[in-house]
Amino acid sequence: MFRAANEALLGSAPQNGSLTFICECGDEACMDAIELTTEEYAGVRGDGRCFVVKPGHENDVEEVVAELEGFTLVEKIGGAARIAEERDPRARLRS
């Protein structure tokens, strides 16, 4: 859900700017903000299994890929990875 909202934000953003994105953790009530450049977020979106979350918002269906300033990059694993790839709004663009 938040990935789709963040994709919409990215689509309306100027190139190479900084934006406030919504944490993409598994907590549907979480509305925490994460500051990233549009380039950083676009890089995350290169893999349908990857998400940006606030530090400490990781869960047991993902692995930490990188801990960066202000956010953590996680990759879904197992069945969660398959679901994330199936629901990736960019999947059709990569095919």
PDB file of N, CA and C in Angstrom:
ATOM      1  N   MET A   1       0.824  -1.184   0.000  1.00  0.00           N
ATOM      2  CA  MET A   1       0.000   0.000   0.000  1.00  0.00           C
ATOM      3  C   MET A   1       0.876   1.259   0.000  1.00  0.00           C
ATOM      4  N   PHE A   2       1.872   1.305   0.904  1.00  0.00           N
ATOM      5  CA  PHE A   2       2.714   2.493   0.982  1.00  0.00           C
ATOM      6  C   PHE A   2       3.678   2.569  -0.189  1.00  0.00           C
ATOM      7  N   ARG A   3       4.032   1.418  -0.732  1.00  0.00           N
ATOM      8  CA  ARG A   3       4.896   1.433  -1.911  1.00  0.00           C
ATOM      9  C   ARG A   3       4.188   2.148  -3.051  1.00  0.00           C
ATOM     10  N   ALA A   4       2.902   1.895  -3.238  1.00  0.00           N
ATOM     11  CA  ALA A   4       2.143   2.554  -4.303  1.00  0.00           C
ATOM     12  C   ALA A   4       2.059   4.061  -4.054  1.00  0.00           C
ATOM     13  N   ALA A   5       1.856   4.457  -2.812  1.00  0.00           N
ATOM     14  CA  ALA A   5       1.818   5.890  -2.483  1.00  0.00           C
ATOM     15  C   ALA A   5       3.169   6.531  -2.754  1.00  0.00           C
ATOM     16  N   ASN A   6       4.241   5.863  -2.376  1.00  0.00           N
ATOM     17  CA  ASN A   6       5.576   6.398  -2.616  1.00  0.00           C
ATOM     18  C   ASN A   6       5.904   6.470  -4.108  1.00  0.00           C
ATOM     19  N   GLU A   7       5.428   5.512  -4.871  1.00  0.00           N
ATOM     20  CA  GLU A   7       5.621   5.547  -6.322  1.00  0.00           C
ATOM     21  C   GLU A   7       4.946   6.785  -6.909  1.00  0.00           C
ATOM     22  N   ALA A   8       3.757   7.111  -6.425  1.00  0.00           N
ATOM     23  CA  ALA A   8       3.050   8.301  -6.905  1.00  0.00           C
ATOM     24  C   ALA A   8       3.837   9.566  -6.555  1.00  0.00           C
ATOM     25  N   LEU A   9       4.401   9.607  -5.341  1.00  0.00           N
ATOM     26  CA  LEU A   9       5.226  10.752  -4.950  1.00  0.00           C
ATOM     27  C   LEU A   9       6.427  10.884  -5.875  1.00  0.00           C
ATOM     28  N   LEU A  10       7.069   9.773  -6.152  1.00  0.00           N
ATOM     29  CA  LEU A  10       8.254   9.787  -7.000  1.00  0.00           C
ATOM     30  C   LEU A  10       7.919  10.286  -8.399  1.00  0.00           C
ATOM     31  N   GLY A  11       6.770   9.868  -8.899  1.00  0.00           N
ATOM     32  CA  GLY A  11       6.364  10.261 -10.243  1.00  0.00           C
ATOM     33  C   GLY A  11       6.118  11.749 -10.395  1.00  0.00           C
ATOM     34  N   SER A  12       5.806  12.423  -9.303  1.00  0.00           N
ATOM     35  CA  SER A  12       5.518  13.851  -9.380  1.00  0.00           C
ATOM     36  C   SER A  12       6.678  14.711  -8.893  1.00  0.00           C
ATOM     37  N   ALA A  13       7.793  14.098  -8.572  1.00  0.00           N
ATOM     38  CA  ALA A  13       8.929  14.818  -7.988  1.00  0.00           C
ATOM     39  C   ALA A  13       9.898  15.303  -9.055  1.00  0.00           C
ATOM     40  N   PRO A  14      10.558  16.414  -8.785  1.00  0.00           N
ATOM     41  CA  PRO A  14      11.619  16.851  -9.695  1.00  0.00           C
ATOM     42  C   PRO A  14      12.800  15.890  -9.608  1.00  0.00           C
ATOM     43  N   GLN A  15      13.536  15.754 -10.695  1.00  0.00           N
ATOM     44  CA  GLN A  15      14.708  14.880 -10.710  1.00  0.00           C
ATOM     45  C   GLN A  15      15.753  15.357  -9.702  1.00  0.00           C
ATOM     46  N   ASN A  16      16.418  14.417  -9.061  1.00  0.00           N
ATOM     47  CA  ASN A  16      17.530  14.675  -8.147  1.00  0.00           C
ATOM     48  C   ASN A  16      17.159  15.518  -6.933  1.00  0.00           C
ATOM     49  N   GLY A  17      15.898  15.574  -6.605  1.00  0.00           N
ATOM     50  CA  GLY A  17      15.483  16.296  -5.408  1.00  0.00           C
ATOM     51  C   GLY A  17      15.345  15.359  -4.236  1.00  0.00           C
ATOM     52  N   SER A  18      15.066  15.920  -3.080  1.00  0.00           N
ATOM     53  CA  SER A  18      14.830  15.129  -1.880  1.00  0.00           C
ATOM     54  C   SER A  18      13.342  15.162  -1.586  1.00  0.00           C
ATOM     55  N   LEU A  19      12.804  14.033  -1.161  1.00  0.00           N
ATOM     56  CA  LEU A  19      11.381  13.927  -0.859  1.00  0.00           C
ATOM     57  C   LEU A  19      11.173  13.226   0.467  1.00  0.00           C
ATOM     58  N   THR A  20      10.003  13.439   1.028  1.00  0.00           N
ATOM     59  CA  THR A  20       9.594  12.708   2.211  1.00  0.00           C
ATOM     60  C   THR A  20       8.709  11.563   1.765  1.00  0.00           C
ATOM     61  N   PHE A  21       9.189  10.342   1.999  1.00  0.00           N
ATOM     62  CA  PHE A  21       8.439   9.141   1.658  1.00  0.00           C
ATOM     63  C   PHE A  21       7.832   8.555   2.919  1.00  0.00           C
ATOM     64  N   ILE A  22       6.897   7.629   2.756  1.00  0.00           N
ATOM     65  CA  ILE A  22       6.244   6.951   3.875  1.00  0.00           C
ATOM     66  C   ILE A  22       6.984   5.642   4.133  1.00  0.00           C
ATOM     67  N   CYS A  23       7.226   5.336   5.406  1.00  0.00           N
ATOM     68  CA  CYS A  23       7.854   4.072   5.784  1.00  0.00           C
ATOM     69  C   CYS A  23       7.073   2.918   5.152  1.00  0.00           C
ATOM     70  N   GLU A  24       7.785   1.962   4.575  1.00  0.00           N
ATOM     71  CA  GLU A  24       7.168   0.829   3.896  1.00  0.00           C
ATOM     72  C   GLU A  24       7.223  -0.444   4.738  1.00  0.00           C
ATOM     73  N   CYS A  25       7.202  -0.275   6.057  1.00  0.00           N
ATOM     74  CA  CYS A  25       7.236  -1.440   6.945  1.00  0.00           C
ATOM     75  C   CYS A  25       5.901  -2.187   6.897  1.00  0.00           C
ATOM     76  N   GLY A  26       5.839  -3.307   7.563  1.00  0.00           N
ATOM     77  CA  GLY A  26       4.646  -4.136   7.551  1.00  0.00           C
ATOM     78  C   GLY A  26       3.521  -3.652   8.445  1.00  0.00           C
ATOM     79  N   ASP A  27       3.722  -2.589   9.209  1.00  0.00           N
ATOM     80  CA  ASP A  27       2.694  -2.049  10.098  1.00  0.00           C
ATOM     81  C   ASP A  27       1.806  -1.097   9.317  1.00  0.00           C
ATOM     82  N   GLU A  28       0.581  -1.524   9.037  1.00  0.00           N
ATOM     83  CA  GLU A  28      -0.336  -0.710   8.236  1.00  0.00           C
ATOM     84  C   GLU A  28      -0.677   0.626   8.885  1.00  0.00           C
ATOM     85  N   ALA A  29      -0.489   0.747  10.184  1.00  0.00           N
ATOM     86  CA  ALA A  29      -0.790   1.999  10.885  1.00  0.00           C
ATOM     87  C   ALA A  29       0.404   2.962  10.878  1.00  0.00           C
ATOM     88  N   CYS A  30       1.558   2.490  10.464  1.00  0.00           N
ATOM     89  CA  CYS A  30       2.762   3.324  10.477  1.00  0.00           C
ATOM     90  C   CYS A  30       2.679   4.377   9.378  1.00  0.00           C
ATOM     91  N   MET A  31       2.889   5.610   9.765  1.00  0.00           N
ATOM     92  CA  MET A  31       2.914   6.721   8.810  1.00  0.00           C
ATOM     93  C   MET A  31       4.199   7.524   8.985  1.00  0.00           C
ATOM     94  N   ASP A  32       5.248   6.873   9.492  1.00  0.00           N
ATOM     95  CA  ASP A  32       6.509   7.563   9.726  1.00  0.00           C
ATOM     96  C   ASP A  32       7.116   8.034   8.408  1.00  0.00           C
ATOM     97  N   ALA A  33       7.744   9.188   8.472  1.00  0.00           N
ATOM     98  CA  ALA A  33       8.342   9.788   7.285  1.00  0.00           C
ATOM     99  C   ALA A  33       9.812   9.406   7.172  1.00  0.00           C
ATOM    100  N   ILE A  34      10.260   9.258   5.923  1.00  0.00           N
ATOM    101  CA  ILE A  34      11.654   8.948   5.623  1.00  0.00           C
ATOM    102  C   ILE A  34      12.107   9.903   4.518  1.00  0.00           C
ATOM    103  N   GLU A  35      13.210  10.583   4.739  1.00  0.00           N
ATOM    104  CA  GLU A  35      13.765  11.492   3.732  1.00  0.00           C
ATOM    105  C   GLU A  35      14.751  10.726   2.850  1.00  0.00           C
ATOM    106  N   LEU A  36      14.518  10.748   1.558  1.00  0.00           N
ATOM    107  CA  LEU A  36      15.414  10.143   0.572  1.00  0.00           C
ATOM    108  C   LEU A  36      15.478  11.052  -0.645  1.00  0.00           C
ATOM    109  N   THR A  37      16.555  10.935  -1.392  1.00  0.00           N
ATOM    110  CA  THR A  37      16.581  11.613  -2.676  1.00  0.00           C
ATOM    111  C   THR A  37      15.766  10.767  -3.652  1.00  0.00           C
ATOM    112  N   THR A  38      15.324  11.392  -4.726  1.00  0.00           N
ATOM    113  CA  THR A  38      14.575  10.634  -5.726  1.00  0.00           C
ATOM    114  C   THR A  38      15.463   9.544  -6.335  1.00  0.00           C
ATOM    115  N   GLU A  39      16.741   9.811  -6.442  1.00  0.00           N
ATOM    116  CA  GLU A  39      17.677   8.821  -6.975  1.00  0.00           C
ATOM    117  C   GLU A  39      17.792   7.612  -6.043  1.00  0.00           C
ATOM    118  N   GLU A  40      17.873   7.863  -4.729  1.00  0.00           N
ATOM    119  CA  GLU A  40      17.950   6.759  -3.761  1.00  0.00           C
ATOM    120  C   GLU A  40      16.699   5.895  -3.843  1.00  0.00           C
ATOM    121  N   TYR A  41      15.526   6.534  -3.867  1.00  0.00           N
ATOM    122  CA  TYR A  41      14.287   5.766  -3.891  1.00  0.00           C
ATOM    123  C   TYR A  41      14.144   4.992  -5.202  1.00  0.00           C
ATOM    124  N   ALA A  42      14.501   5.610  -6.312  1.00  0.00           N
ATOM    125  CA  ALA A  42      14.431   4.915  -7.596  1.00  0.00           C
ATOM    126  C   ALA A  42      15.334   3.680  -7.590  1.00  0.00           C
ATOM    127  N   GLY A  43      16.484   3.777  -6.925  1.00  0.00           N
ATOM    128  CA  GLY A  43      17.379   2.632  -6.810  1.00  0.00           C
ATOM    129  C   GLY A  43      16.752   1.490  -6.032  1.00  0.00           C
ATOM    130  N   VAL A  44      16.042   1.811  -4.975  1.00  0.00           N
ATOM    131  CA  VAL A  44      15.343   0.792  -4.192  1.00  0.00           C
ATOM    132  C   VAL A  44      14.297   0.109  -5.062  1.00  0.00           C
ATOM    133  N   ARG A  45      13.592   0.878  -5.842  1.00  0.00           N
ATOM    134  CA  ARG A  45      12.516   0.339  -6.669  1.00  0.00           C
ATOM    135  C   ARG A  45      13.027  -0.523  -7.817  1.00  0.00           C
ATOM    136  N   GLY A  46      14.318  -0.615  -8.005  1.00  0.00           N
ATOM    137  CA  GLY A  46      14.875  -1.476  -9.039  1.00  0.00           C
ATOM    138  C   GLY A  46      14.667  -2.952  -8.761  1.00  0.00           C
ATOM    139  N   ASP A  47      14.324  -3.297  -7.537  1.00  0.00           N
ATOM    140  CA  ASP A  47      14.087  -4.689  -7.137  1.00  0.00           C
ATOM    141  C   ASP A  47      12.756  -4.734  -6.404  1.00  0.00           C
ATOM    142  N   GLY A  48      11.817  -5.476  -6.934  1.00  0.00           N
ATOM    143  CA  GLY A  48      10.472  -5.553  -6.360  1.00  0.00           C
ATOM    144  C   GLY A  48      10.411  -6.135  -4.964  1.00  0.00           C
ATOM    145  N   ARG A  49      11.493  -6.755  -4.504  1.00  0.00           N
ATOM    146  CA  ARG A  49      11.511  -7.329  -3.158  1.00  0.00           C
ATOM    147  C   ARG A  49      12.035  -6.345  -2.122  1.00  0.00           C
ATOM    148  N   CYS A  50      12.534  -5.179  -2.559  1.00  0.00           N
ATOM    149  CA  CYS A  50      13.165  -4.227  -1.636  1.00  0.00           C
ATOM    150  C   CYS A  50      12.237  -3.085  -1.232  1.00  0.00           C
ATOM    151  N   PHE A  51      12.406  -2.662   0.013  1.00  0.00           N
ATOM    152  CA  PHE A  51      11.580  -1.610   0.594  1.00  0.00           C
ATOM    153  C   PHE A  51      12.440  -0.732   1.496  1.00  0.00           C
ATOM    154  N   VAL A  52      11.979   0.496   1.733  1.00  0.00           N
ATOM    155  CA  VAL A  52      12.641   1.389   2.687  1.00  0.00           C
ATOM    156  C   VAL A  52      11.788   1.474   3.943  1.00  0.00           C
ATOM    157  N   VAL A  53      12.441   1.318   5.087  1.00  0.00           N
ATOM    158  CA  VAL A  53      11.739   1.392   6.367  1.00  0.00           C
ATOM    159  C   VAL A  53      12.545   2.253   7.337  1.00  0.00           C
ATOM    160  N   LYS A  54      11.866   2.771   8.340  1.00  0.00           N
ATOM    161  CA  LYS A  54      12.558   3.486   9.402  1.00  0.00           C
ATOM    162  C   LYS A  54      13.409   2.479  10.170  1.00  0.00           C
ATOM    163  N   PRO A  55      14.569   2.910  10.658  1.00  0.00           N
ATOM    164  CA  PRO A  55      15.386   2.006  11.475  1.00  0.00           C
ATOM    165  C   PRO A  55      14.558   1.445  12.645  1.00  0.00           C
ATOM    166  N   GLY A  56      14.647   0.141  12.837  1.00  0.00           N
ATOM    167  CA  GLY A  56      13.888  -0.522  13.896  1.00  0.00           C
ATOM    168  C   GLY A  56      12.541  -1.062  13.443  1.00  0.00           C
ATOM    169  N   HIS A  57      12.139  -0.791  12.202  1.00  0.00           N
ATOM    170  CA  HIS A  57      10.839  -1.244  11.702  1.00  0.00           C
ATOM    171  C   HIS A  57      10.941  -2.539  10.892  1.00  0.00           C
ATOM    172  N   GLU A  58      12.085  -3.201  10.941  1.00  0.00           N
ATOM    173  CA  GLU A  58      12.273  -4.452  10.215  1.00  0.00           C
ATOM    174  C   GLU A  58      11.414  -5.541  10.861  1.00  0.00           C
ATOM    175  N   ASN A  59      11.101  -6.601  10.088  1.00  0.00           N
ATOM    176  CA  ASN A  59      10.353  -7.719  10.661  1.00  0.00           C
ATOM    177  C   ASN A  59      10.950  -9.050  10.218  1.00  0.00           C
ATOM    178  N   ASP A  60      10.307 -10.142  10.577  1.00  0.00           N
ATOM    179  CA  ASP A  60      10.892 -11.465  10.358  1.00  0.00           C
ATOM    180  C   ASP A  60      10.724 -12.022   8.947  1.00  0.00           C
ATOM    181  N   VAL A  61      10.091 -11.295   8.038  1.00  0.00           N
ATOM    182  CA  VAL A  61       9.949 -11.766   6.659  1.00  0.00           C
ATOM    183  C   VAL A  61      10.847 -10.984   5.707  1.00  0.00           C
ATOM    184  N   GLU A  62      11.860 -10.339   6.277  1.00  0.00           N
ATOM    185  CA  GLU A  62      12.792  -9.567   5.456  1.00  0.00           C
ATOM    186  C   GLU A  62      14.182  -9.564   6.069  1.00  0.00           C
ATOM    187  N   GLU A  63      15.164  -9.304   5.218  1.00  0.00           N
ATOM    188  CA  GLU A  63      16.551  -9.192   5.655  1.00  0.00           C
ATOM    189  C   GLU A  63      17.008  -7.758   5.449  1.00  0.00           C
ATOM    190  N   VAL A  64      17.841  -7.274   6.349  1.00  0.00           N
ATOM    191  CA  VAL A  64      18.413  -5.946   6.193  1.00  0.00           C
ATOM    192  C   VAL A  64      19.502  -6.021   5.132  1.00  0.00           C
ATOM    193  N   VAL A  65      19.376  -5.189   4.105  1.00  0.00           N
ATOM    194  CA  VAL A  65      20.354  -5.118   3.030  1.00  0.00           C
ATOM    195  C   VAL A  65      21.374  -4.030   3.339  1.00  0.00           C
ATOM    196  N   ALA A  66      20.883  -2.893   3.853  1.00  0.00           N
ATOM    197  CA  ALA A  66      21.771  -1.772   4.172  1.00  0.00           C
ATOM    198  C   ALA A  66      21.104  -0.874   5.209  1.00  0.00           C
ATOM    199  N   GLU A  67      21.928  -0.341   6.087  1.00  0.00           N
ATOM    200  CA  GLU A  67      21.462   0.653   7.048  1.00  0.00           C
ATOM    201  C   GLU A  67      22.101   1.972   6.645  1.00  0.00           C
ATOM    202  N   LEU A  68      21.263   2.887   6.174  1.00  0.00           N
ATOM    203  CA  LEU A  68      21.745   4.161   5.668  1.00  0.00           C
ATOM    204  C   LEU A  68      21.262   5.281   6.582  1.00  0.00           C
ATOM    205  N   GLU A  69      21.711   6.490   6.314  1.00  0.00           N
ATOM    206  CA  GLU A  69      21.345   7.612   7.169  1.00  0.00           C
ATOM    207  C   GLU A  69      19.843   7.885   7.073  1.00  0.00           C
ATOM    208  N   GLY A  70      19.123   7.609   8.156  1.00  0.00           N
ATOM    209  CA  GLY A  70      17.701   7.906   8.219  1.00  0.00           C
ATOM    210  C   GLY A  70      16.762   6.811   7.757  1.00  0.00           C
ATOM    211  N   PHE A  71      17.289   5.753   7.141  1.00  0.00           N
ATOM    212  CA  PHE A  71      16.409   4.671   6.699  1.00  0.00           C
ATOM    213  C   PHE A  71      17.190   3.368   6.569  1.00  0.00           C
ATOM    214  N   THR A  72      16.430   2.279   6.542  1.00  0.00           N
ATOM    215  CA  THR A  72      16.993   0.952   6.373  1.00  0.00           C
ATOM    216  C   THR A  72      16.426   0.361   5.097  1.00  0.00           C
ATOM    217  N   LEU A  73      17.264  -0.262   4.307  1.00  0.00           N
ATOM    218  CA  LEU A  73      16.841  -0.950   3.095  1.00  0.00           C
ATOM    219  C   LEU A  73      16.678  -2.418   3.439  1.00  0.00           C
ATOM    220  N   VAL A  74      15.477  -2.962   3.199  1.00  0.00           N
ATOM    221  CA  VAL A  74      15.206  -4.362   3.498  1.00  0.00           C
ATOM    222  C   VAL A  74      14.765  -5.086   2.236  1.00  0.00           C
ATOM    223  N   GLU A  75      14.990  -6.397   2.237  1.00  0.00           N
ATOM    224  CA  GLU A  75      14.547  -7.252   1.139  1.00  0.00           C
ATOM    225  C   GLU A  75      13.669  -8.347   1.708  1.00  0.00           C
ATOM    226  N   LYS A  76      12.478  -8.483   1.152  1.00  0.00           N
ATOM    227  CA  LYS A  76      11.565  -9.544   1.583  1.00  0.00           C
ATOM    228  C   LYS A  76      12.170 -10.898   1.240  1.00  0.00           C
ATOM    229  N   ILE A  77      11.881 -11.907   2.064  1.00  0.00           N
ATOM    230  CA  ILE A  77      12.386 -13.262   1.841  1.00  0.00           C
ATOM    231  C   ILE A  77      11.216 -14.247   1.827  1.00  0.00           C
ATOM    232  N   GLY A  78      11.464 -15.430   1.305  1.00  0.00           N
ATOM    233  CA  GLY A  78      10.461 -16.495   1.303  1.00  0.00           C
ATOM    234  C   GLY A  78       9.196 -16.112   0.552  1.00  0.00           C
ATOM    235  N   GLY A  79       8.069 -16.510   1.113  1.00  0.00           N
ATOM    236  CA  GLY A  79       6.773 -16.218   0.496  1.00  0.00           C
ATOM    237  C   GLY A  79       6.494 -14.731   0.383  1.00  0.00           C
ATOM    238  N   ALA A  80       7.002 -13.956   1.330  1.00  0.00           N
ATOM    239  CA  ALA A  80       6.809 -12.503   1.282  1.00  0.00           C
ATOM    240  C   ALA A  80       7.511 -11.899   0.069  1.00  0.00           C
ATOM    241  N   ALA A  81       8.648 -12.477  -0.323  1.00  0.00           N
ATOM    242  CA  ALA A  81       9.367 -11.998  -1.511  1.00  0.00           C
ATOM    243  C   ALA A  81       8.540 -12.247  -2.768  1.00  0.00           C
ATOM    244  N   ARG A  82       7.951 -13.420  -2.853  1.00  0.00           N
ATOM    245  CA  ARG A  82       7.125 -13.757  -4.013  1.00  0.00           C
ATOM    246  C   ARG A  82       5.938 -12.805  -4.119  1.00  0.00           C
ATOM    247  N   ILE A  83       5.272 -12.554  -2.995  1.00  0.00           N
ATOM    248  CA  ILE A  83       4.120 -11.639  -2.993  1.00  0.00           C
ATOM    249  C   ILE A  83       4.551 -10.225  -3.368  1.00  0.00           C
ATOM    250  N   ALA A  84       5.666  -9.778  -2.810  1.00  0.00           N
ATOM    251  CA  ALA A  84       6.153  -8.425  -3.110  1.00  0.00           C
ATOM    252  C   ALA A  84       6.447  -8.277  -4.602  1.00  0.00           C
ATOM    253  N   GLU A  85       7.053  -9.286  -5.205  1.00  0.00           N
ATOM    254  CA  GLU A  85       7.344  -9.217  -6.641  1.00  0.00           C
ATOM    255  C   GLU A  85       6.070  -9.222  -7.471  1.00  0.00           C
ATOM    256  N   GLU A  86       5.095 -10.036  -7.079  1.00  0.00           N
ATOM    257  CA  GLU A  86       3.824 -10.104  -7.809  1.00  0.00           C
ATOM    258  C   GLU A  86       3.077  -8.776  -7.758  1.00  0.00           C
ATOM    259  N   ARG A  87       3.192  -8.064  -6.653  1.00  0.00           N
ATOM    260  CA  ARG A  87       2.461  -6.805  -6.466  1.00  0.00           C
ATOM    261  C   ARG A  87       3.291  -5.570  -6.803  1.00  0.00           C
ATOM    262  N   ASP A  88       4.477  -5.765  -7.306  1.00  0.00           N
ATOM    263  CA  ASP A  88       5.363  -4.648  -7.637  1.00  0.00           C
ATOM    264  C   ASP A  88       4.781  -3.856  -8.803  1.00  0.00           C
ATOM    265  N   PRO A  89       4.491  -2.562  -8.596  1.00  0.00           N
ATOM    266  CA  PRO A  89       3.921  -1.762  -9.688  1.00  0.00           C
ATOM    267  C   PRO A  89       4.876  -1.578 -10.859  1.00  0.00           C
ATOM    268  N   ARG A  90       6.167  -1.804 -10.655  1.00  0.00           N
ATOM    269  CA  ARG A  90       7.137  -1.653 -11.740  1.00  0.00           C
ATOM    270  C   ARG A  90       7.405  -2.959 -12.485  1.00  0.00           C
ATOM    271  N   ALA A  91       6.831  -4.058 -12.052  1.00  0.00           N
ATOM    272  CA  ALA A  91       7.121  -5.373 -12.646  1.00  0.00           C
ATOM    273  C   ALA A  91       6.832  -5.381 -14.147  1.00  0.00           C
ATOM    274  N   ARG A  92       5.740  -4.793 -14.548  1.00  0.00           N
ATOM    275  CA  ARG A  92       5.398  -4.802 -15.971  1.00  0.00           C
ATOM    276  C   ARG A  92       6.372  -3.957 -16.787  1.00  0.00           C
ATOM    277  N   LEU A  93       6.997  -2.960 -16.159  1.00  0.00           N
ATOM    278  CA  LEU A  93       7.962  -2.128 -16.866  1.00  0.00           C
ATOM    279  C   LEU A  93       9.280  -2.866 -17.101  1.00  0.00           C
ATOM    280  N   ARG A  94       9.596  -3.832 -16.203  1.00  0.00           N
ATOM    281  CA  ARG A  94      10.839  -4.600 -16.333  1.00  0.00           C
ATOM    282  C   ARG A  94      10.699  -5.770 -17.292  1.00  0.00           C
ATOM    283  N   SER A  95       9.456  -6.161 -17.624  1.00  0.00           N
ATOM    284  CA  SER A  95       9.243  -7.328 -18.501  1.00  0.00           C
ATOM    285  C   SER A  95       9.498  -6.993 -19.945  1.00  0.00           C
TER     286      SER A  95
END
